[in-house]
Amino acid sequence: TQTIKSVARRRWTGDVQPRFSWYEPLPN
């Protein structure tokens, strides 16, 4: 059983660049 999106924060909002994943991740 493998999991993804563990550190997902939310969908991107606004024109934030650059984007290195399709969702906005949690910051370090």
mmCIF file of all heavy atoms, coordinates in Angstrom:
data_MODEL
# 
_entry.id   MODEL 
# 
loop_
_atom_site.group_PDB 
_atom_site.id 
_atom_site.type_symbol 
_atom_site.label_atom_id 
_atom_site.label_alt_id 
_atom_site.label_comp_id 
_atom_site.label_asym_id 
_atom_site.label_entity_id 
_atom_site.label_seq_id 
_atom_site.pdbx_PDB_ins_code 
_atom_site.Cartn_x 
_atom_site.Cartn_y 
_atom_site.Cartn_z 
_atom_site.occupancy 
_atom_site.B_iso_or_equiv 
_atom_site.pdbx_formal_charge 
_atom_site.auth_seq_id 
_atom_site.auth_comp_id 
_atom_site.auth_asym_id 
_atom_site.auth_atom_id 
_atom_site.pdbx_PDB_model_num 
ATOM 1   N N   . THR A 1 1  ? 0.844   -1.195 0.000   1.00 0.00 ? 1  THR A N   1 
ATOM 2   C CA  . THR A 1 1  ? 0.000   0.000  0.000   1.00 0.00 ? 1  THR A CA  1 
ATOM 3   C C   . THR A 1 1  ? 0.882   1.248  0.000   1.00 0.00 ? 1  THR A C   1 
ATOM 4   O O   . THR A 1 1  ? 1.573   1.534  0.972   1.00 0.00 ? 1  THR A O   1 
ATOM 5   C CB  . THR A 1 1  ? -0.935  0.012  1.222   1.00 0.00 ? 1  THR A CB  1 
ATOM 6   O OG1 . THR A 1 1  ? -0.188  -0.320 2.399   1.00 0.00 ? 1  THR A OG1 1 
ATOM 7   C CG2 . THR A 1 1  ? -2.059  -0.996 1.063   1.00 0.00 ? 1  THR A CG2 1 
ATOM 8   N N   . GLN A 1 2  ? 0.830   1.978  -1.109  1.00 0.00 ? 2  GLN A N   1 
ATOM 9   C CA  . GLN A 1 2  ? 1.623   3.188  -1.285  1.00 0.00 ? 2  GLN A CA  1 
ATOM 10  C C   . GLN A 1 2  ? 0.714   4.411  -1.229  1.00 0.00 ? 2  GLN A C   1 
ATOM 11  O O   . GLN A 1 2  ? -0.416  4.371  -1.708  1.00 0.00 ? 2  GLN A O   1 
ATOM 12  C CB  . GLN A 1 2  ? 2.319   3.169  -2.644  1.00 0.00 ? 2  GLN A CB  1 
ATOM 13  C CG  . GLN A 1 2  ? 3.135   1.915  -2.908  1.00 0.00 ? 2  GLN A CG  1 
ATOM 14  C CD  . GLN A 1 2  ? 3.572   1.862  -4.354  1.00 0.00 ? 2  GLN A CD  1 
ATOM 15  O OE1 . GLN A 1 2  ? 4.622   2.374  -4.726  1.00 0.00 ? 2  GLN A OE1 1 
ATOM 16  N NE2 . GLN A 1 2  ? 2.748   1.247  -5.195  1.00 0.00 ? 2  GLN A NE2 1 
ATOM 17  N N   . THR A 1 3  ? 1.249   5.499  -0.684  1.00 0.00 ? 3  THR A N   1 
ATOM 18  C CA  . THR A 1 3  ? 0.446   6.709  -0.542  1.00 0.00 ? 3  THR A CA  1 
ATOM 19  C C   . THR A 1 3  ? 1.113   7.896  -1.230  1.00 0.00 ? 3  THR A C   1 
ATOM 20  O O   . THR A 1 3  ? 2.333   7.985  -1.322  1.00 0.00 ? 3  THR A O   1 
ATOM 21  C CB  . THR A 1 3  ? 0.222   7.060  0.937   1.00 0.00 ? 3  THR A CB  1 
ATOM 22  O OG1 . THR A 1 3  ? 1.467   7.404  1.546   1.00 0.00 ? 3  THR A OG1 1 
ATOM 23  C CG2 . THR A 1 3  ? -0.411  5.889  1.671   1.00 0.00 ? 3  THR A CG2 1 
ATOM 24  N N   . ILE A 1 4  ? 0.274   8.803  -1.693  1.00 0.00 ? 4  ILE A N   1 
ATOM 25  C CA  . ILE A 1 4  ? 0.711   10.057 -2.302  1.00 0.00 ? 4  ILE A CA  1 
ATOM 26  C C   . ILE A 1 4  ? -0.016  11.209 -1.636  1.00 0.00 ? 4  ILE A C   1 
ATOM 27  O O   . ILE A 1 4  ? -0.954  11.016 -0.873  1.00 0.00 ? 4  ILE A O   1 
ATOM 28  C CB  . ILE A 1 4  ? 0.448   10.075 -3.822  1.00 0.00 ? 4  ILE A CB  1 
ATOM 29  C CG1 . ILE A 1 4  ? -1.026  9.759  -4.118  1.00 0.00 ? 4  ILE A CG1 1 
ATOM 30  C CG2 . ILE A 1 4  ? 1.372   9.089  -4.532  1.00 0.00 ? 4  ILE A CG2 1 
ATOM 31  C CD1 . ILE A 1 4  ? -1.397  9.898  -5.588  1.00 0.00 ? 4  ILE A CD1 1 
ATOM 32  N N   . LYS A 1 5  ? 0.438   12.422 -1.933  1.00 0.00 ? 5  LYS A N   1 
ATOM 33  C CA  . LYS A 1 5  ? -0.178  13.661 -1.445  1.00 0.00 ? 5  LYS A CA  1 
ATOM 34  C C   . LYS A 1 5  ? -0.032  13.831 0.067   1.00 0.00 ? 5  LYS A C   1 
ATOM 35  O O   . LYS A 1 5  ? -0.827  14.536 0.696   1.00 0.00 ? 5  LYS A O   1 
ATOM 36  C CB  . LYS A 1 5  ? -1.658  13.742 -1.845  1.00 0.00 ? 5  LYS A CB  1 
ATOM 37  C CG  . LYS A 1 5  ? -1.934  13.488 -3.316  1.00 0.00 ? 5  LYS A CG  1 
ATOM 38  C CD  . LYS A 1 5  ? -1.250  14.501 -4.212  1.00 0.00 ? 5  LYS A CD  1 
ATOM 39  C CE  . LYS A 1 5  ? -1.655  14.348 -5.660  1.00 0.00 ? 5  LYS A CE  1 
ATOM 40  N NZ  . LYS A 1 5  ? -0.973  13.220 -6.348  1.00 0.00 ? 5  LYS A NZ  1 
ATOM 41  N N   . SER A 1 6  ? 0.969   13.230 0.666   1.00 0.00 ? 6  SER A N   1 
ATOM 42  C CA  . SER A 1 6  ? 1.137   13.323 2.120   1.00 0.00 ? 6  SER A CA  1 
ATOM 43  C C   . SER A 1 6  ? 1.363   14.755 2.581   1.00 0.00 ? 6  SER A C   1 
ATOM 44  O O   . SER A 1 6  ? 0.915   15.140 3.658   1.00 0.00 ? 6  SER A O   1 
ATOM 45  C CB  . SER A 1 6  ? 2.307   12.452 2.572   1.00 0.00 ? 6  SER A CB  1 
ATOM 46  O OG  . SER A 1 6  ? 3.517   12.869 1.950   1.00 0.00 ? 6  SER A OG  1 
ATOM 47  N N   . VAL A 1 7  ? 2.081   15.556 1.781   1.00 0.00 ? 7  VAL A N   1 
ATOM 48  C CA  . VAL A 1 7  ? 2.419   16.919 2.198   1.00 0.00 ? 7  VAL A CA  1 
ATOM 49  C C   . VAL A 1 7  ? 1.630   17.963 1.410   1.00 0.00 ? 7  VAL A C   1 
ATOM 50  O O   . VAL A 1 7  ? 2.030   19.118 1.320   1.00 0.00 ? 7  VAL A O   1 
ATOM 51  C CB  . VAL A 1 7  ? 3.937   17.177 2.090   1.00 0.00 ? 7  VAL A CB  1 
ATOM 52  C CG1 . VAL A 1 7  ? 4.701   16.212 2.989   1.00 0.00 ? 7  VAL A CG1 1 
ATOM 53  C CG2 . VAL A 1 7  ? 4.429   17.079 0.651   1.00 0.00 ? 7  VAL A CG2 1 
ATOM 54  N N   . ALA A 1 8  ? 0.497   17.551 0.844   1.00 0.00 ? 8  ALA A N   1 
ATOM 55  C CA  . ALA A 1 8  ? -0.324  18.508 0.101   1.00 0.00 ? 8  ALA A CA  1 
ATOM 56  C C   . ALA A 1 8  ? -0.939  19.534 1.053   1.00 0.00 ? 8  ALA A C   1 
ATOM 57  O O   . ALA A 1 8  ? -1.433  19.198 2.130   1.00 0.00 ? 8  ALA A O   1 
ATOM 58  C CB  . ALA A 1 8  ? -1.422  17.779 -0.655  1.00 0.00 ? 8  ALA A CB  1 
ATOM 59  N N   . ARG A 1 9  ? -0.899  20.777 0.629   1.00 0.00 ? 9  ARG A N   1 
ATOM 60  C CA  . ARG A 1 9  ? -1.490  21.871 1.413   1.00 0.00 ? 9  ARG A CA  1 
ATOM 61  C C   . ARG A 1 9  ? -2.862  22.255 0.878   1.00 0.00 ? 9  ARG A C   1 
ATOM 62  O O   . ARG A 1 9  ? -3.828  22.354 1.623   1.00 0.00 ? 9  ARG A O   1 
ATOM 63  C CB  . ARG A 1 9  ? -0.544  23.079 1.367   1.00 0.00 ? 9  ARG A CB  1 
ATOM 64  C CG  . ARG A 1 9  ? -0.941  24.252 2.236   1.00 0.00 ? 9  ARG A CG  1 
ATOM 65  C CD  . ARG A 1 9  ? 0.098   25.358 2.087   1.00 0.00 ? 9  ARG A CD  1 
ATOM 66  N NE  . ARG A 1 9  ? -0.111  26.452 3.005   1.00 0.00 ? 9  ARG A NE  1 
ATOM 67  C CZ  . ARG A 1 9  ? 0.636   27.573 3.023   1.00 0.00 ? 9  ARG A CZ  1 
ATOM 68  N NH1 . ARG A 1 9  ? 1.648   27.707 2.155   1.00 0.00 ? 9  ARG A NH1 1 
ATOM 69  N NH2 . ARG A 1 9  ? 0.374   28.524 3.898   1.00 0.00 ? 9  ARG A NH2 1 
ATOM 70  N N   . ARG A 1 10 ? -2.944  22.465 -0.439  1.00 0.00 ? 10 ARG A N   1 
ATOM 71  C CA  . ARG A 1 10 ? -4.202  22.850 -1.080  1.00 0.00 ? 10 ARG A CA  1 
ATOM 72  C C   . ARG A 1 10 ? -3.934  22.947 -2.578  1.00 0.00 ? 10 ARG A C   1 
ATOM 73  O O   . ARG A 1 10 ? -2.796  22.821 -3.038  1.00 0.00 ? 10 ARG A O   1 
ATOM 74  C CB  . ARG A 1 10 ? -4.685  24.197 -0.553  1.00 0.00 ? 10 ARG A CB  1 
ATOM 75  C CG  . ARG A 1 10 ? -3.689  25.325 -0.761  1.00 0.00 ? 10 ARG A CG  1 
ATOM 76  C CD  . ARG A 1 10 ? -4.002  26.538 0.075   1.00 0.00 ? 10 ARG A CD  1 
ATOM 77  N NE  . ARG A 1 10 ? -2.937  27.538 -0.013  1.00 0.00 ? 10 ARG A NE  1 
ATOM 78  C CZ  . ARG A 1 10 ? -2.664  28.414 0.941   1.00 0.00 ? 10 ARG A CZ  1 
ATOM 79  N NH1 . ARG A 1 10 ? -3.377  28.425 2.064   1.00 0.00 ? 10 ARG A NH1 1 
ATOM 80  N NH2 . ARG A 1 10 ? -1.688  29.302 0.805   1.00 0.00 ? 10 ARG A NH2 1 
ATOM 81  N N   . ARG A 1 11 ? -4.977  23.177 -3.344  1.00 0.00 ? 11 ARG A N   1 
ATOM 82  C CA  . ARG A 1 11 ? -4.797  23.494 -4.759  1.00 0.00 ? 11 ARG A CA  1 
ATOM 83  C C   . ARG A 1 11 ? -4.157  24.874 -4.879  1.00 0.00 ? 11 ARG A C   1 
ATOM 84  O O   . ARG A 1 11 ? -4.317  25.721 -3.994  1.00 0.00 ? 11 ARG A O   1 
ATOM 85  C CB  . ARG A 1 11 ? -6.144  23.490 -5.483  1.00 0.00 ? 11 ARG A CB  1 
ATOM 86  C CG  . ARG A 1 11 ? -6.887  22.171 -5.403  1.00 0.00 ? 11 ARG A CG  1 
ATOM 87  C CD  . ARG A 1 11 ? -8.227  22.276 -6.112  1.00 0.00 ? 11 ARG A CD  1 
ATOM 88  N NE  . ARG A 1 11 ? -9.080  21.143 -5.791  1.00 0.00 ? 11 ARG A NE  1 
ATOM 89  C CZ  . ARG A 1 11 ? -10.323 21.010 -6.220  1.00 0.00 ? 11 ARG A CZ  1 
ATOM 90  N NH1 . ARG A 1 11 ? -10.862 21.947 -6.984  1.00 0.00 ? 11 ARG A NH1 1 
ATOM 91  N NH2 . ARG A 1 11 ? -11.035 19.951 -5.885  1.00 0.00 ? 11 ARG A NH2 1 
ATOM 92  N N   . TRP A 1 12 ? -3.470  25.074 -5.970  1.00 0.00 ? 12 TRP A N   1 
ATOM 93  C CA  . TRP A 1 12 ? -2.861  26.382 -6.190  1.00 0.00 ? 12 TRP A CA  1 
ATOM 94  C C   . TRP A 1 12 ? -3.940  27.456 -6.324  1.00 0.00 ? 12 TRP A C   1 
ATOM 95  O O   . TRP A 1 12 ? -4.989  27.231 -6.928  1.00 0.00 ? 12 TRP A O   1 
ATOM 96  C CB  . TRP A 1 12 ? -2.018  26.364 -7.458  1.00 0.00 ? 12 TRP A CB  1 
ATOM 97  C CG  . TRP A 1 12 ? -0.740  25.607 -7.335  1.00 0.00 ? 12 TRP A CG  1 
ATOM 98  C CD1 . TRP A 1 12 ? -0.456  24.392 -7.866  1.00 0.00 ? 12 TRP A CD1 1 
ATOM 99  C CD2 . TRP A 1 12 ? 0.443   26.016 -6.628  1.00 0.00 ? 12 TRP A CD2 1 
ATOM 100 N NE1 . TRP A 1 12 ? 0.824   24.006 -7.543  1.00 0.00 ? 12 TRP A NE1 1 
ATOM 101 C CE2 . TRP A 1 12 ? 1.398   24.976 -6.791  1.00 0.00 ? 12 TRP A CE2 1 
ATOM 102 C CE3 . TRP A 1 12 ? 0.780   27.141 -5.882  1.00 0.00 ? 12 TRP A CE3 1 
ATOM 103 C CZ2 . TRP A 1 12 ? 2.668   25.052 -6.224  1.00 0.00 ? 12 TRP A CZ2 1 
ATOM 104 C CZ3 . TRP A 1 12 ? 2.046   27.215 -5.315  1.00 0.00 ? 12 TRP A CZ3 1 
ATOM 105 C CH2 . TRP A 1 12 ? 2.972   26.192 -5.496  1.00 0.00 ? 12 TRP A CH2 1 
ATOM 106 N N   . THR A 1 13 ? -3.653  28.608 -5.778  1.00 0.00 ? 13 THR A N   1 
ATOM 107 C CA  . THR A 1 13 ? -4.517  29.767 -5.952  1.00 0.00 ? 13 THR A CA  1 
ATOM 108 C C   . THR A 1 13 ? -3.686  30.915 -6.502  1.00 0.00 ? 13 THR A C   1 
ATOM 109 O O   . THR A 1 13 ? -2.543  31.106 -6.094  1.00 0.00 ? 13 THR A O   1 
ATOM 110 C CB  . THR A 1 13 ? -5.157  30.195 -4.617  1.00 0.00 ? 13 THR A CB  1 
ATOM 111 O OG1 . THR A 1 13 ? -4.125  30.473 -3.656  1.00 0.00 ? 13 THR A OG1 1 
ATOM 112 C CG2 . THR A 1 13 ? -6.064  29.094 -4.081  1.00 0.00 ? 13 THR A CG2 1 
ATOM 113 N N   . GLY A 1 14 ? -4.253  31.656 -7.435  1.00 0.00 ? 14 GLY A N   1 
ATOM 114 C CA  . GLY A 1 14 ? -3.523  32.773 -8.019  1.00 0.00 ? 14 GLY A CA  1 
ATOM 115 C C   . GLY A 1 14 ? -2.453  32.294 -8.989  1.00 0.00 ? 14 GLY A C   1 
ATOM 116 O O   . GLY A 1 14 ? -2.327  31.111 -9.299  1.00 0.00 ? 14 GLY A O   1 
ATOM 117 N N   . ASP A 1 15 ? -1.658  33.220 -9.439  1.00 0.00 ? 15 ASP A N   1 
ATOM 118 C CA  . ASP A 1 15 ? -0.624  32.931 -10.443 1.00 0.00 ? 15 ASP A CA  1 
ATOM 119 C C   . ASP A 1 15 ? 0.729   32.775 -9.762  1.00 0.00 ? 15 ASP A C   1 
ATOM 120 O O   . ASP A 1 15 ? 1.668   33.526 -10.015 1.00 0.00 ? 15 ASP A O   1 
ATOM 121 C CB  . ASP A 1 15 ? -0.591  34.045 -11.491 1.00 0.00 ? 15 ASP A CB  1 
ATOM 122 C CG  . ASP A 1 15 ? 0.307   33.695 -12.661 1.00 0.00 ? 15 ASP A CG  1 
ATOM 123 O OD1 . ASP A 1 15 ? 0.515   32.482 -12.896 1.00 0.00 ? 15 ASP A OD1 1 
ATOM 124 O OD2 . ASP A 1 15 ? 0.811   34.621 -13.323 1.00 0.00 ? 15 ASP A OD2 1 
ATOM 125 N N   . VAL A 1 16 ? 0.834   31.810 -8.880  1.00 0.00 ? 16 VAL A N   1 
ATOM 126 C CA  . VAL A 1 16 ? 2.079   31.564 -8.163  1.00 0.00 ? 16 VAL A CA  1 
ATOM 127 C C   . VAL A 1 16 ? 3.051   30.811 -9.070  1.00 0.00 ? 16 VAL A C   1 
ATOM 128 O O   . VAL A 1 16 ? 2.704   29.775 -9.638  1.00 0.00 ? 16 VAL A O   1 
ATOM 129 C CB  . VAL A 1 16 ? 1.820   30.749 -6.880  1.00 0.00 ? 16 VAL A CB  1 
ATOM 130 C CG1 . VAL A 1 16 ? 3.124   30.482 -6.149  1.00 0.00 ? 16 VAL A CG1 1 
ATOM 131 C CG2 . VAL A 1 16 ? 0.830   31.476 -5.981  1.00 0.00 ? 16 VAL A CG2 1 
ATOM 132 N N   . GLN A 1 17 ? 4.248   31.320 -9.194  1.00 0.00 ? 17 GLN A N   1 
ATOM 133 C CA  . GLN A 1 17 ? 5.275   30.680 -10.013 1.00 0.00 ? 17 GLN A CA  1 
ATOM 134 C C   . GLN A 1 17 ? 6.602   30.694 -9.268  1.00 0.00 ? 17 GLN A C   1 
ATOM 135 O O   . GLN A 1 17 ? 6.873   31.626 -8.513  1.00 0.00 ? 17 GLN A O   1 
ATOM 136 C CB  . GLN A 1 17 ? 5.418   31.416 -11.357 1.00 0.00 ? 17 GLN A CB  1 
ATOM 137 C CG  . GLN A 1 17 ? 4.170   31.407 -12.223 1.00 0.00 ? 17 GLN A CG  1 
ATOM 138 C CD  . GLN A 1 17 ? 3.767   30.030 -12.696 1.00 0.00 ? 17 GLN A CD  1 
ATOM 139 O OE1 . GLN A 1 17 ? 4.609   29.137 -12.795 1.00 0.00 ? 17 GLN A OE1 1 
ATOM 140 N NE2 . GLN A 1 17 ? 2.484   29.853 -12.971 1.00 0.00 ? 17 GLN A NE2 1 
ATOM 141 N N   . PRO A 1 18 ? 7.468   29.719 -9.431  1.00 0.00 ? 18 PRO A N   1 
ATOM 142 C CA  . PRO A 1 18 ? 7.237   28.497 -10.216 1.00 0.00 ? 18 PRO A CA  1 
ATOM 143 C C   . PRO A 1 18 ? 6.428   27.481 -9.437  1.00 0.00 ? 18 PRO A C   1 
ATOM 144 O O   . PRO A 1 18 ? 6.313   27.563 -8.216  1.00 0.00 ? 18 PRO A O   1 
ATOM 145 C CB  . PRO A 1 18 ? 8.659   27.991 -10.447 1.00 0.00 ? 18 PRO A CB  1 
ATOM 146 C CG  . PRO A 1 18 ? 9.414   28.435 -9.232  1.00 0.00 ? 18 PRO A CG  1 
ATOM 147 C CD  . PRO A 1 18 ? 8.824   29.773 -8.853  1.00 0.00 ? 18 PRO A CD  1 
ATOM 148 N N   . ARG A 1 19 ? 5.871   26.532 -10.164 1.00 0.00 ? 19 ARG A N   1 
ATOM 149 C CA  . ARG A 1 19 ? 5.116   25.439 -9.556  1.00 0.00 ? 19 ARG A CA  1 
ATOM 150 C C   . ARG A 1 19 ? 5.835   24.128 -9.870  1.00 0.00 ? 19 ARG A C   1 
ATOM 151 O O   . ARG A 1 19 ? 5.988   23.778 -11.035 1.00 0.00 ? 19 ARG A O   1 
ATOM 152 C CB  . ARG A 1 19 ? 3.685   25.402 -10.094 1.00 0.00 ? 19 ARG A CB  1 
ATOM 153 C CG  . ARG A 1 19 ? 2.868   26.645 -9.773  1.00 0.00 ? 19 ARG A CG  1 
ATOM 154 C CD  . ARG A 1 19 ? 1.450   26.514 -10.297 1.00 0.00 ? 19 ARG A CD  1 
ATOM 155 N NE  . ARG A 1 19 ? 0.644   27.688 -9.970  1.00 0.00 ? 19 ARG A NE  1 
ATOM 156 C CZ  . ARG A 1 19 ? -0.651  27.808 -10.240 1.00 0.00 ? 19 ARG A CZ  1 
ATOM 157 N NH1 . ARG A 1 19 ? -1.282  26.810 -10.856 1.00 0.00 ? 19 ARG A NH1 1 
ATOM 158 N NH2 . ARG A 1 19 ? -1.319  28.907 -9.913  1.00 0.00 ? 19 ARG A NH2 1 
ATOM 159 N N   . PHE A 1 20 ? 6.236   23.421 -8.843  1.00 0.00 ? 20 PHE A N   1 
ATOM 160 C CA  . PHE A 1 20 ? 6.967   22.174 -9.042  1.00 0.00 ? 20 PHE A CA  1 
ATOM 161 C C   . PHE A 1 20 ? 6.105   20.948 -8.737  1.00 0.00 ? 20 PHE A C   1 
ATOM 162 O O   . PHE A 1 20 ? 6.587   19.820 -8.809  1.00 0.00 ? 20 PHE A O   1 
ATOM 163 C CB  . PHE A 1 20 ? 8.226   22.161 -8.175  1.00 0.00 ? 20 PHE A CB  1 
ATOM 164 C CG  . PHE A 1 20 ? 9.199   23.243 -8.545  1.00 0.00 ? 20 PHE A CG  1 
ATOM 165 C CD1 . PHE A 1 20 ? 9.346   24.371 -7.748  1.00 0.00 ? 20 PHE A CD1 1 
ATOM 166 C CD2 . PHE A 1 20 ? 9.942   23.156 -9.710  1.00 0.00 ? 20 PHE A CD2 1 
ATOM 167 C CE1 . PHE A 1 20 ? 10.244  25.378 -8.093  1.00 0.00 ? 20 PHE A CE1 1 
ATOM 168 C CE2 . PHE A 1 20 ? 10.833  24.157 -10.070 1.00 0.00 ? 20 PHE A CE2 1 
ATOM 169 C CZ  . PHE A 1 20 ? 10.989  25.273 -9.257  1.00 0.00 ? 20 PHE A CZ  1 
ATOM 170 N N   . SER A 1 21 ? 4.858   21.170 -8.381  1.00 0.00 ? 21 SER A N   1 
ATOM 171 C CA  . SER A 1 21 ? 3.896   20.082 -8.252  1.00 0.00 ? 21 SER A CA  1 
ATOM 172 C C   . SER A 1 21 ? 2.532   20.650 -8.601  1.00 0.00 ? 21 SER A C   1 
ATOM 173 O O   . SER A 1 21 ? 2.343   21.869 -8.599  1.00 0.00 ? 21 SER A O   1 
ATOM 174 C CB  . SER A 1 21 ? 3.893   19.518 -6.824  1.00 0.00 ? 21 SER A CB  1 
ATOM 175 O OG  . SER A 1 21 ? 3.511   20.504 -5.888  1.00 0.00 ? 21 SER A OG  1 
ATOM 176 N N   . TRP A 1 22 ? 1.580   19.785 -8.941  1.00 0.00 ? 22 TRP A N   1 
ATOM 177 C CA  . TRP A 1 22 ? 0.279   20.302 -9.380  1.00 0.00 ? 22 TRP A CA  1 
ATOM 178 C C   . TRP A 1 22 ? -0.531  20.825 -8.203  1.00 0.00 ? 22 TRP A C   1 
ATOM 179 O O   . TRP A 1 22 ? -1.520  21.526 -8.384  1.00 0.00 ? 22 TRP A O   1 
ATOM 180 C CB  . TRP A 1 22 ? -0.488  19.267 -10.179 1.00 0.00 ? 22 TRP A CB  1 
ATOM 181 C CG  . TRP A 1 22 ? -1.067  18.123 -9.418  1.00 0.00 ? 22 TRP A CG  1 
ATOM 182 C CD1 . TRP A 1 22 ? -0.529  16.886 -9.257  1.00 0.00 ? 22 TRP A CD1 1 
ATOM 183 C CD2 . TRP A 1 22 ? -2.318  18.110 -8.713  1.00 0.00 ? 22 TRP A CD2 1 
ATOM 184 N NE1 . TRP A 1 22 ? -1.347  16.108 -8.492  1.00 0.00 ? 22 TRP A NE1 1 
ATOM 185 C CE2 . TRP A 1 22 ? -2.460  16.819 -8.143  1.00 0.00 ? 22 TRP A CE2 1 
ATOM 186 C CE3 . TRP A 1 22 ? -3.328  19.045 -8.499  1.00 0.00 ? 22 TRP A CE3 1 
ATOM 187 C CZ2 . TRP A 1 22 ? -3.558  16.453 -7.382  1.00 0.00 ? 22 TRP A CZ2 1 
ATOM 188 C CZ3 . TRP A 1 22 ? -4.428  18.679 -7.728  1.00 0.00 ? 22 TRP A CZ3 1 
ATOM 189 C CH2 . TRP A 1 22 ? -4.530  17.397 -7.180  1.00 0.00 ? 22 TRP A CH2 1 
ATOM 190 N N   . TYR A 1 23 ? -0.146  20.480 -6.974  1.00 0.00 ? 23 TYR A N   1 
ATOM 191 C CA  . TYR A 1 23 ? -0.778  21.040 -5.794  1.00 0.00 ? 23 TYR A CA  1 
ATOM 192 C C   . TYR A 1 23 ? 0.250   21.868 -5.037  1.00 0.00 ? 23 TYR A C   1 
ATOM 193 O O   . TYR A 1 23 ? 1.455   21.686 -5.182  1.00 0.00 ? 23 TYR A O   1 
ATOM 194 C CB  . TYR A 1 23 ? -1.306  19.929 -4.877  1.00 0.00 ? 23 TYR A CB  1 
ATOM 195 C CG  . TYR A 1 23 ? -0.216  19.005 -4.372  1.00 0.00 ? 23 TYR A CG  1 
ATOM 196 C CD1 . TYR A 1 23 ? 0.507   19.294 -3.222  1.00 0.00 ? 23 TYR A CD1 1 
ATOM 197 C CD2 . TYR A 1 23 ? 0.113   17.842 -5.063  1.00 0.00 ? 23 TYR A CD2 1 
ATOM 198 C CE1 . TYR A 1 23 ? 1.519   18.463 -2.767  1.00 0.00 ? 23 TYR A CE1 1 
ATOM 199 C CE2 . TYR A 1 23 ? 1.130   17.003 -4.615  1.00 0.00 ? 23 TYR A CE2 1 
ATOM 200 C CZ  . TYR A 1 23 ? 1.831   17.321 -3.472  1.00 0.00 ? 23 TYR A CZ  1 
ATOM 201 O OH  . TYR A 1 23 ? 2.838   16.514 -3.036  1.00 0.00 ? 23 TYR A OH  1 
ATOM 202 N N   . GLU A 1 24 ? -0.218  22.791 -4.211  1.00 0.00 ? 24 GLU A N   1 
ATOM 203 C CA  . GLU A 1 24 ? 0.692   23.559 -3.365  1.00 0.00 ? 24 GLU A CA  1 
ATOM 204 C C   . GLU A 1 24 ? 1.077   22.706 -2.157  1.00 0.00 ? 24 GLU A C   1 
ATOM 205 O O   . GLU A 1 24 ? 0.207   22.264 -1.398  1.00 0.00 ? 24 GLU A O   1 
ATOM 206 C CB  . GLU A 1 24 ? 0.020   24.845 -2.892  1.00 0.00 ? 24 GLU A CB  1 
ATOM 207 C CG  . GLU A 1 24 ? 0.934   25.716 -2.039  1.00 0.00 ? 24 GLU A CG  1 
ATOM 208 C CD  . GLU A 1 24 ? 0.271   26.989 -1.561  1.00 0.00 ? 24 GLU A CD  1 
ATOM 209 O OE1 . GLU A 1 24 ? -0.881  27.257 -1.975  1.00 0.00 ? 24 GLU A OE1 1 
ATOM 210 O OE2 . GLU A 1 24 ? 0.900   27.715 -0.751  1.00 0.00 ? 24 GLU A OE2 1 
ATOM 211 N N   . PRO A 1 25 ? 2.358   22.449 -1.947  1.00 0.00 ? 25 PRO A N   1 
ATOM 212 C CA  . PRO A 1 25 ? 2.757   21.626 -0.805  1.00 0.00 ? 25 PRO A CA  1 
ATOM 213 C C   . PRO A 1 25 ? 2.913   22.457 0.461   1.00 0.00 ? 25 PRO A C   1 
ATOM 214 O O   . PRO A 1 25 ? 3.013   23.686 0.417   1.00 0.00 ? 25 PRO A O   1 
ATOM 215 C CB  . PRO A 1 25 ? 4.111   21.074 -1.251  1.00 0.00 ? 25 PRO A CB  1 
ATOM 216 C CG  . PRO A 1 25 ? 4.677   22.169 -2.115  1.00 0.00 ? 25 PRO A CG  1 
ATOM 217 C CD  . PRO A 1 25 ? 3.498   22.792 -2.816  1.00 0.00 ? 25 PRO A CD  1 
ATOM 218 N N   . LEU A 1 26 ? 2.939   21.768 1.576   1.00 0.00 ? 26 LEU A N   1 
ATOM 219 C CA  . LEU A 1 26 ? 3.298   22.422 2.824   1.00 0.00 ? 26 LEU A CA  1 
ATOM 220 C C   . LEU A 1 26 ? 4.744   22.900 2.744   1.00 0.00 ? 26 LEU A C   1 
ATOM 221 O O   . LEU A 1 26 ? 5.591   22.256 2.115   1.00 0.00 ? 26 LEU A O   1 
ATOM 222 C CB  . LEU A 1 26 ? 3.163   21.448 3.993   1.00 0.00 ? 26 LEU A CB  1 
ATOM 223 C CG  . LEU A 1 26 ? 1.746   21.010 4.366   1.00 0.00 ? 26 LEU A CG  1 
ATOM 224 C CD1 . LEU A 1 26 ? 1.797   19.805 5.305   1.00 0.00 ? 26 LEU A CD1 1 
ATOM 225 C CD2 . LEU A 1 26 ? 0.974   22.162 4.998   1.00 0.00 ? 26 LEU A CD2 1 
ATOM 226 N N   . PRO A 1 27 ? 5.061   24.007 3.365   1.00 0.00 ? 27 PRO A N   1 
ATOM 227 C CA  . PRO A 1 27 ? 6.456   24.469 3.376   1.00 0.00 ? 27 PRO A CA  1 
ATOM 228 C C   . PRO A 1 27 ? 7.287   23.621 4.333   1.00 0.00 ? 27 PRO A C   1 
ATOM 229 O O   . PRO A 1 27 ? 6.758   22.944 5.229   1.00 0.00 ? 27 PRO A O   1 
ATOM 230 C CB  . PRO A 1 27 ? 6.340   25.909 3.879   1.00 0.00 ? 27 PRO A CB  1 
ATOM 231 C CG  . PRO A 1 27 ? 5.116   25.891 4.750   1.00 0.00 ? 27 PRO A CG  1 
ATOM 232 C CD  . PRO A 1 27 ? 4.174   24.933 4.112   1.00 0.00 ? 27 PRO A CD  1 
ATOM 233 N N   . ASN A 1 28 ? 8.583   23.675 4.134   1.00 0.00 ? 28 ASN A N   1 
ATOM 234 C CA  . ASN A 1 28 ? 9.494   22.996 5.048   1.00 0.00 ? 28 ASN A CA  1 
ATOM 235 C C   . ASN A 1 28 ? 9.267   23.512 6.470   1.00 0.00 ? 28 ASN A C   1 
ATOM 236 O O   . ASN A 1 28 ? 9.208   24.719 6.696   1.00 0.00 ? 28 ASN A O   1 
ATOM 237 C CB  . ASN A 1 28 ? 10.935  23.243 4.619   1.00 0.00 ? 28 ASN A CB  1 
ATOM 238 C CG  . ASN A 1 28 ? 11.935  22.493 5.466   1.00 0.00 ? 28 ASN A CG  1 
ATOM 239 O OD1 . ASN A 1 28 ? 11.570  21.569 6.192   1.00 0.00 ? 28 ASN A OD1 1 
ATOM 240 N ND2 . ASN A 1 28 ? 13.192  22.871 5.374   1.00 0.00 ? 28 ASN A ND2 1 
# 
